Amino acid sequence: MYPRISDITLDLFGFEFPIPLFSFGLMVALAILTATAMSRVEVDRLFGKGLMKAVRAKVKDSKGREKVQLTSPSVLLWNMAVMAGAFGVLGAKLFHIIDYWDEFVQNPAAMIFSGSGLTVYGGILVAGIAILWYAHSKGVNKGRLMDAIAPGLMLAYGIGRIGCYLSGDGDWGVCSSLDDKPGWIPGFLWSETFPRAMVGADPVTYNAVQRGAECTLANPTGVYPTMLYEFAMTAVLAALLWVLRKHPFKAGWLISVYGILAGIQRFVIEFIKVNPDTSLGLPQSQLISIGFIVAGLIGLAITTRRVVPNATDDSPAVQPVAAS
């Protein structure tokens, strides 16, 4: 794998990139930029249709002079992107520590300052709370904002998983064997050894030593590259959310759909990943996935009502969807 950009340039072009950039950090930055760009397009569309109110913000006129005026809430998204990066990493690290508490107790400093070991759900939850607080302080319609962010957030998750794949940060699947591979699946999609992994160990050995997951296969050749599976799944789901973004329902409908889809996606993939079980017999990620699904279903029950034409989200006049 390629934990650093220098690993890629050295392998492909024969020279070592002089700046120590990490592949995971680069992909996280790309994920945030992609999600922000997609969200800006949708926020501007909602603003143009009168579904989001203008906010007061500093903007530059044609002569480059700054002035405060009412404008689209999309101007706030770059501030939200910075918050997503900072609070996302903080939340991801915090939830990873909770998930692997025994490892943390053995060597707290190593886990805190390691570039690996991030739980994505923790990042989404903590960053989401921070962004909602900021949106509330600016008078932004939080339901419409979350709807606008949903497609980009789904795709950003997948792009982040590519970063996990390149770095080999230990967030892979259980052991696998090429002996069991169906003929139509490429070998690297079935069993990956993650050379140069950031964790500095063979993945099968790492699973056994660090995660307590001994491989039961007779001839393990690697582990399932679950990051690639998640990227493919989330790319499809992001496209679906993008198609559904022009829904006629109340604010919060699309983010509710996102919660259901994201929860199902993560719940399913966890069956071939290595995670410690909680007292309920399921890993923390699957329990949070169930929470996402339940919250999404409740959200759909509340928001699946058509908005009356020419009415804003501040108007109480809505009509239920006709029964099919």
Protein backbone atom coordinates (compact mmCIF):
# COMPACT_ATOMS: atom_id res chain seq x y z
CA MET A 1 0.00 0.00 0.00
CA TYR A 2 0.96 3.66 -0.07
CA PRO A 3 0.71 5.32 3.38
CA ARG A 4 2.66 8.35 2.11
CA ILE A 5 2.61 10.19 -1.20
CA SER A 6 6.35 9.54 -1.43
CA ASP A 7 5.58 5.80 -1.53
CA ILE A 8 3.44 6.34 -4.64
CA THR A 9 5.95 8.54 -6.49
CA LEU A 10 8.85 6.23 -5.61
CA ASP A 11 7.02 3.13 -6.81
CA LEU A 12 5.54 4.63 -9.99
CA PHE A 13 8.08 7.25 -11.04
CA GLY A 14 11.31 6.36 -9.25
CA PHE A 15 11.68 9.49 -7.12
CA GLU A 16 10.71 10.26 -3.54
CA PHE A 17 8.27 13.13 -3.01
CA PRO A 18 10.09 15.54 -0.64
CA ILE A 19 7.05 16.67 1.38
CA PRO A 20 5.82 14.12 3.99
CA LEU A 21 2.15 14.02 2.98
CA PHE A 22 0.09 11.08 4.20
CA SER A 23 -2.35 9.40 1.84
CA PHE A 24 -5.07 9.17 4.48
CA GLY A 25 -4.93 12.87 5.27
CA LEU A 26 -4.96 13.70 1.57
CA MET A 27 -8.05 11.57 0.98
CA VAL A 28 -9.83 13.06 4.00
CA ALA A 29 -9.13 16.53 2.60
CA LEU A 30 -10.43 15.42 -0.80
CA ALA A 31 -13.54 13.96 0.87
CA ILE A 32 -14.28 17.23 2.69
CA LEU A 33 -13.73 19.31 -0.46
CA THR A 34 -15.97 17.00 -2.51
CA ALA A 35 -18.77 17.03 0.07
CA THR A 36 -18.55 20.81 0.41
CA ALA A 37 -18.68 21.38 -3.35
CA MET A 38 -21.72 19.10 -3.73
CA SER A 39 -23.44 20.72 -0.76
CA ARG A 40 -22.88 24.24 -2.13
CA VAL A 41 -24.64 23.29 -5.35
CA GLU A 42 -27.65 21.96 -3.47
CA VAL A 43 -27.84 24.79 -0.91
CA ASP A 44 -27.81 27.34 -3.74
CA ARG A 45 -30.59 25.38 -5.49
CA LEU A 46 -32.72 25.33 -2.33
CA PHE A 47 -32.02 29.03 -1.74
CA GLY A 48 -33.05 29.82 -5.31
CA LYS A 49 -36.35 27.98 -4.80
CA GLY A 50 -37.03 29.91 -1.61
CA LEU A 51 -36.65 26.84 0.64
CA MET A 52 -33.72 28.34 2.56
CA LYS A 53 -33.53 31.89 3.88
CA ALA A 54 -30.70 34.31 3.20
CA VAL A 55 -28.06 34.86 5.87
CA ARG A 56 -25.97 37.89 6.70
CA ALA A 57 -22.36 37.37 5.68
CA LYS A 58 -19.32 39.22 4.42
CA VAL A 59 -19.08 39.06 0.64
CA LYS A 60 -16.87 40.79 -1.91
CA ASP A 61 -18.33 43.06 -4.54
CA SER A 62 -17.09 43.39 -8.13
CA LYS A 63 -14.27 45.66 -6.94
CA GLY A 64 -13.09 43.23 -4.28
CA ARG A 65 -14.43 45.25 -1.37
CA GLU A 66 -15.93 43.35 1.56
CA LYS A 67 -19.38 44.24 2.80
CA VAL A 68 -22.08 42.59 4.88
CA GLN A 69 -25.23 41.66 3.00
CA LEU A 70 -27.94 39.03 2.77
CA THR A 71 -26.83 36.12 0.62
CA SER A 72 -27.16 32.36 0.13
CA PRO A 73 -26.30 30.16 3.15
CA SER A 74 -23.78 28.40 0.90
CA VAL A 75 -21.20 31.05 1.89
CA LEU A 76 -21.06 29.43 5.33
CA LEU A 77 -20.20 25.97 4.02
CA TRP A 78 -16.43 26.48 3.91
CA ASN A 79 -16.49 27.37 7.61
CA MET A 80 -18.51 24.21 8.17
CA ALA A 81 -15.94 22.25 6.16
CA VAL A 82 -13.15 23.39 8.50
CA MET A 83 -15.29 22.41 11.48
CA ALA A 84 -16.02 19.03 9.88
CA GLY A 85 -12.31 18.34 9.53
CA ALA A 86 -11.37 19.36 13.08
CA PHE A 87 -14.33 17.91 14.97
CA GLY A 88 -14.50 14.89 12.66
CA VAL A 89 -10.96 13.78 13.54
CA LEU A 90 -11.58 14.50 17.23
CA GLY A 91 -14.79 12.46 17.28
CA ALA A 92 -13.31 9.63 15.23
CA LYS A 93 -10.35 9.31 17.57
CA LEU A 94 -12.55 9.51 20.68
CA PHE A 95 -14.90 6.75 19.50
CA HIS A 96 -11.95 4.58 18.43
CA ILE A 97 -10.51 4.85 21.93
CA ILE A 98 -13.87 3.81 23.38
CA ASP A 99 -14.12 0.95 20.88
CA TYR A 100 -10.63 -0.37 21.72
CA TRP A 101 -10.37 0.64 25.37
CA ASP A 102 -8.12 -2.26 26.36
CA GLU A 103 -5.52 -1.24 23.75
CA PHE A 104 -5.77 2.38 24.89
CA VAL A 105 -5.13 1.48 28.54
CA GLN A 106 -2.00 -0.47 27.56
CA ASN A 107 -0.49 2.46 25.63
CA PRO A 108 -2.56 5.66 25.69
CA ALA A 109 0.00 7.91 24.00
CA ALA A 110 0.49 5.53 21.08
CA MET A 111 -3.22 5.45 20.30
CA ILE A 112 -3.81 9.18 20.81
CA PHE A 113 -0.96 10.34 18.59
CA SER A 114 -1.13 7.57 16.00
CA GLY A 115 -2.18 8.56 12.48
CA SER A 116 -4.24 5.37 12.30
CA GLY A 117 -7.20 4.30 14.39
CA LEU A 118 -10.24 6.41 13.57
CA THR A 119 -13.89 5.41 13.94
CA VAL A 120 -15.87 7.15 11.20
CA TYR A 121 -19.21 7.16 13.01
CA GLY A 122 -17.61 9.08 15.86
CA GLY A 123 -16.39 11.70 13.41
CA ILE A 124 -19.80 12.04 11.78
CA LEU A 125 -21.62 12.39 15.11
CA VAL A 126 -19.27 14.91 16.73
CA ALA A 127 -18.79 16.97 13.57
CA GLY A 128 -22.55 16.86 12.93
CA ILE A 129 -23.32 18.28 16.39
CA ALA A 130 -20.77 21.07 15.92
CA ILE A 131 -22.09 22.00 12.46
CA LEU A 132 -25.72 22.01 13.62
CA TRP A 133 -24.79 24.31 16.50
CA TYR A 134 -23.04 26.66 14.06
CA ALA A 135 -25.99 26.56 11.63
CA HIS A 136 -28.38 27.36 14.48
CA SER A 137 -26.26 30.34 15.53
CA LYS A 138 -26.45 31.69 11.97
CA GLY A 139 -30.19 31.14 11.57
CA VAL A 140 -29.82 28.47 8.88
CA ASN A 141 -32.66 25.97 8.35
CA LYS A 142 -31.02 22.88 9.85
CA GLY A 143 -33.32 20.36 8.19
CA ARG A 144 -32.71 21.73 4.69
CA LEU A 145 -28.99 22.03 5.42
CA MET A 146 -28.78 18.38 6.43
CA ASP A 147 -30.70 17.38 3.30
CA ALA A 148 -28.24 19.36 1.18
CA ILE A 149 -25.26 17.75 2.86
CA ALA A 150 -26.55 14.14 2.68
CA PRO A 151 -25.32 13.08 -0.82
CA GLY A 152 -21.88 14.62 -0.37
CA LEU A 153 -21.55 13.16 3.12
CA MET A 154 -22.23 9.68 1.80
CA LEU A 155 -19.62 10.03 -0.96
CA ALA A 156 -17.10 11.62 1.42
CA TYR A 157 -17.36 8.55 3.65
CA GLY A 158 -16.39 6.34 0.73
CA ILE A 159 -13.49 8.59 -0.30
CA GLY A 160 -12.22 8.46 3.26
CA ARG A 161 -12.26 4.67 3.05
CA ILE A 162 -9.90 4.87 0.07
CA GLY A 163 -7.56 6.69 2.43
CA CYS A 164 -7.83 3.78 4.87
CA TYR A 165 -7.03 1.37 2.04
CA LEU A 166 -3.95 3.29 0.88
CA SER A 167 -2.57 3.72 4.39
CA GLY A 168 -3.30 0.21 5.66
CA ASP A 169 -4.49 1.55 9.02
CA GLY A 170 -5.88 -1.72 10.34
CA ASP A 171 -9.49 -1.00 9.43
CA TRP A 172 -9.80 -4.01 7.15
CA GLY A 173 -11.74 -7.25 7.17
CA VAL A 174 -11.26 -10.72 8.59
CA CYS A 175 -8.82 -13.15 7.03
CA SER A 176 -9.52 -14.50 3.56
CA SER A 177 -8.02 -17.04 1.17
CA LEU A 178 -7.59 -16.93 -2.58
CA ASP A 179 -8.45 -20.65 -2.52
CA ASP A 180 -12.06 -19.63 -1.86
CA LYS A 181 -12.20 -16.79 -4.39
CA PRO A 182 -14.85 -16.97 -7.11
CA GLY A 183 -13.25 -16.93 -10.54
CA TRP A 184 -14.86 -13.68 -11.68
CA ILE A 185 -13.50 -11.58 -8.79
CA PRO A 186 -9.99 -10.06 -9.12
CA GLY A 187 -7.60 -11.32 -6.48
CA PHE A 188 -6.91 -7.90 -4.92
CA LEU A 189 -10.64 -7.47 -4.25
CA TRP A 190 -10.80 -10.74 -2.33
CA SER A 191 -7.57 -10.98 -0.37
CA GLU A 192 -5.12 -8.14 0.32
CA THR A 193 -1.82 -8.30 2.22
CA PHE A 194 -1.37 -4.52 2.64
CA PRO A 195 2.40 -4.24 2.16
CA ARG A 196 3.90 -1.15 3.82
CA ALA A 197 0.78 -0.90 6.03
CA MET A 198 0.90 2.00 8.48
CA VAL A 199 0.34 -0.37 11.40
CA GLY A 200 3.60 -2.10 10.47
CA ALA A 201 2.35 -5.70 10.52
CA ASP A 202 0.93 -8.40 8.29
CA PRO A 203 -2.86 -7.96 8.44
CA VAL A 204 -3.62 -11.54 9.49
CA THR A 205 -1.05 -11.30 12.28
CA TYR A 206 -2.32 -7.85 13.26
CA ASN A 207 -5.89 -9.16 13.52
CA ALA A 208 -4.73 -11.97 15.80
CA VAL A 209 -2.32 -10.02 18.02
CA GLN A 210 -4.01 -6.62 18.26
CA ARG A 211 -7.66 -7.57 17.78
CA GLY A 212 -7.69 -11.09 19.25
CA ALA A 213 -9.19 -12.48 16.02
CA GLU A 214 -7.35 -15.69 15.20
CA CYS A 215 -7.80 -16.85 11.61
CA THR A 216 -9.51 -20.22 11.26
CA LEU A 217 -8.78 -20.69 7.54
CA ALA A 218 -6.29 -23.38 6.54
CA ASN A 219 -4.48 -21.18 4.02
CA PRO A 220 -5.06 -17.48 4.69
CA THR A 221 -3.56 -15.26 1.99
CA GLY A 222 -4.62 -11.90 3.43
CA VAL A 223 -7.74 -10.09 4.58
CA TYR A 224 -10.83 -8.75 2.88
CA PRO A 225 -10.19 -5.18 1.61
CA THR A 226 -13.49 -3.97 3.05
CA MET A 227 -12.54 -0.33 2.40
CA LEU A 228 -12.95 -0.89 -1.33
CA TYR A 229 -16.31 -2.57 -0.80
CA GLU A 230 -17.47 0.40 1.25
CA PHE A 231 -16.31 2.89 -1.37
CA ALA A 232 -18.31 1.07 -4.05
CA MET A 233 -21.40 0.83 -1.83
CA THR A 234 -21.33 4.47 -0.76
CA ALA A 235 -20.70 5.72 -4.31
CA VAL A 236 -23.90 4.00 -5.44
CA LEU A 237 -25.84 5.27 -2.42
CA ALA A 238 -24.52 8.83 -2.92
CA ALA A 239 -25.75 8.74 -6.53
CA LEU A 240 -29.16 7.56 -5.31
CA LEU A 241 -29.36 10.40 -2.77
CA TRP A 242 -28.35 12.90 -5.45
CA VAL A 243 -31.21 11.69 -7.64
CA LEU A 244 -33.64 11.94 -4.70
CA ARG A 245 -32.49 15.40 -3.58
CA LYS A 246 -35.33 17.17 -5.42
CA HIS A 247 -37.91 15.39 -3.29
CA PRO A 248 -41.20 17.22 -2.57
CA PHE A 249 -41.25 16.44 1.15
CA LYS A 250 -40.56 18.40 4.31
CA ALA A 251 -37.08 19.42 5.40
CA GLY A 252 -35.19 16.50 6.91
CA TRP A 253 -36.59 13.84 4.57
CA LEU A 254 -33.38 13.22 2.62
CA ILE A 255 -31.11 13.11 5.67
CA SER A 256 -33.55 10.55 7.11
CA VAL A 257 -33.09 8.42 4.00
CA TYR A 258 -29.34 8.89 4.41
CA GLY A 259 -29.54 7.60 7.98
CA ILE A 260 -31.31 4.43 6.88
CA LEU A 261 -28.98 3.74 3.96
CA ALA A 262 -25.79 4.55 5.88
CA GLY A 263 -26.92 2.40 8.78
CA ILE A 264 -27.73 -0.60 6.58
CA GLN A 265 -24.46 -0.24 4.66
CA ARG A 266 -22.34 -0.18 7.81
CA PHE A 267 -24.32 -2.91 9.58
CA VAL A 268 -23.83 -5.29 6.64
CA ILE A 269 -20.10 -4.66 6.12
CA GLU A 270 -19.34 -5.23 9.80
CA PHE A 271 -20.04 -8.96 9.38
CA ILE A 272 -16.69 -9.37 7.61
CA LYS A 273 -14.71 -6.86 9.70
CA VAL A 274 -12.85 -7.31 12.96
CA ASN A 275 -14.47 -5.47 15.85
CA PRO A 276 -14.83 -6.24 19.57
CA ASP A 277 -18.34 -7.14 20.66
CA THR A 278 -20.14 -5.13 23.33
CA SER A 279 -22.19 -6.57 26.15
CA LEU A 280 -25.10 -6.91 23.74
CA GLY A 281 -23.15 -9.26 21.48
CA LEU A 282 -22.72 -6.76 18.63
CA PRO A 283 -19.80 -4.43 17.87
CA GLN A 284 -20.24 -0.75 18.67
CA SER A 285 -20.45 0.12 14.96
CA GLN A 286 -23.43 -2.16 14.42
CA LEU A 287 -25.22 -0.77 17.46
CA ILE A 288 -24.70 2.76 16.14
CA SER A 289 -25.88 1.55 12.72
CA ILE A 290 -29.12 0.37 14.28
CA GLY A 291 -29.45 3.79 15.88
CA PHE A 292 -28.99 5.45 12.49
CA ILE A 293 -31.66 3.22 10.93
CA VAL A 294 -34.17 3.82 13.74
CA ALA A 295 -33.56 7.57 13.66
CA GLY A 296 -33.98 7.54 9.88
CA LEU A 297 -37.27 5.68 10.08
CA ILE A 298 -38.58 8.10 12.70
CA GLY A 299 -37.45 10.98 10.51
CA LEU A 300 -39.29 9.58 7.50
CA ALA A 301 -42.47 9.18 9.54
CA ILE A 302 -42.28 12.85 10.50
CA THR A 303 -41.16 14.37 7.19
CA THR A 304 -42.95 12.32 4.51
CA ARG A 305 -45.49 15.05 3.89
CA ARG A 306 -45.58 17.10 0.73
CA VAL A 307 -44.87 20.80 1.11
CA VAL A 308 -47.71 22.93 -0.26
CA PRO A 309 -46.59 24.74 -3.45
CA ASN A 310 -45.18 28.22 -2.78
CA ALA A 311 -45.01 27.50 0.99
CA THR A 312 -41.69 27.76 2.82
CA ASP A 313 -40.45 25.46 5.56
CA ASP A 314 -41.56 28.06 8.07
CA SER A 315 -45.16 27.64 6.91
CA PRO A 316 -47.18 25.04 8.87
CA ALA A 317 -49.35 24.24 5.86
CA VAL A 318 -48.46 20.76 4.65
CA GLN A 319 -50.51 17.97 3.27
CA PRO A 320 -49.99 14.23 3.76
CA VAL A 321 -48.88 12.06 0.87
CA ALA A 322 -51.77 10.27 -0.77
CA ALA A 323 -51.89 6.60 0.05
CA SER A 324 -50.72 4.37 -2.79
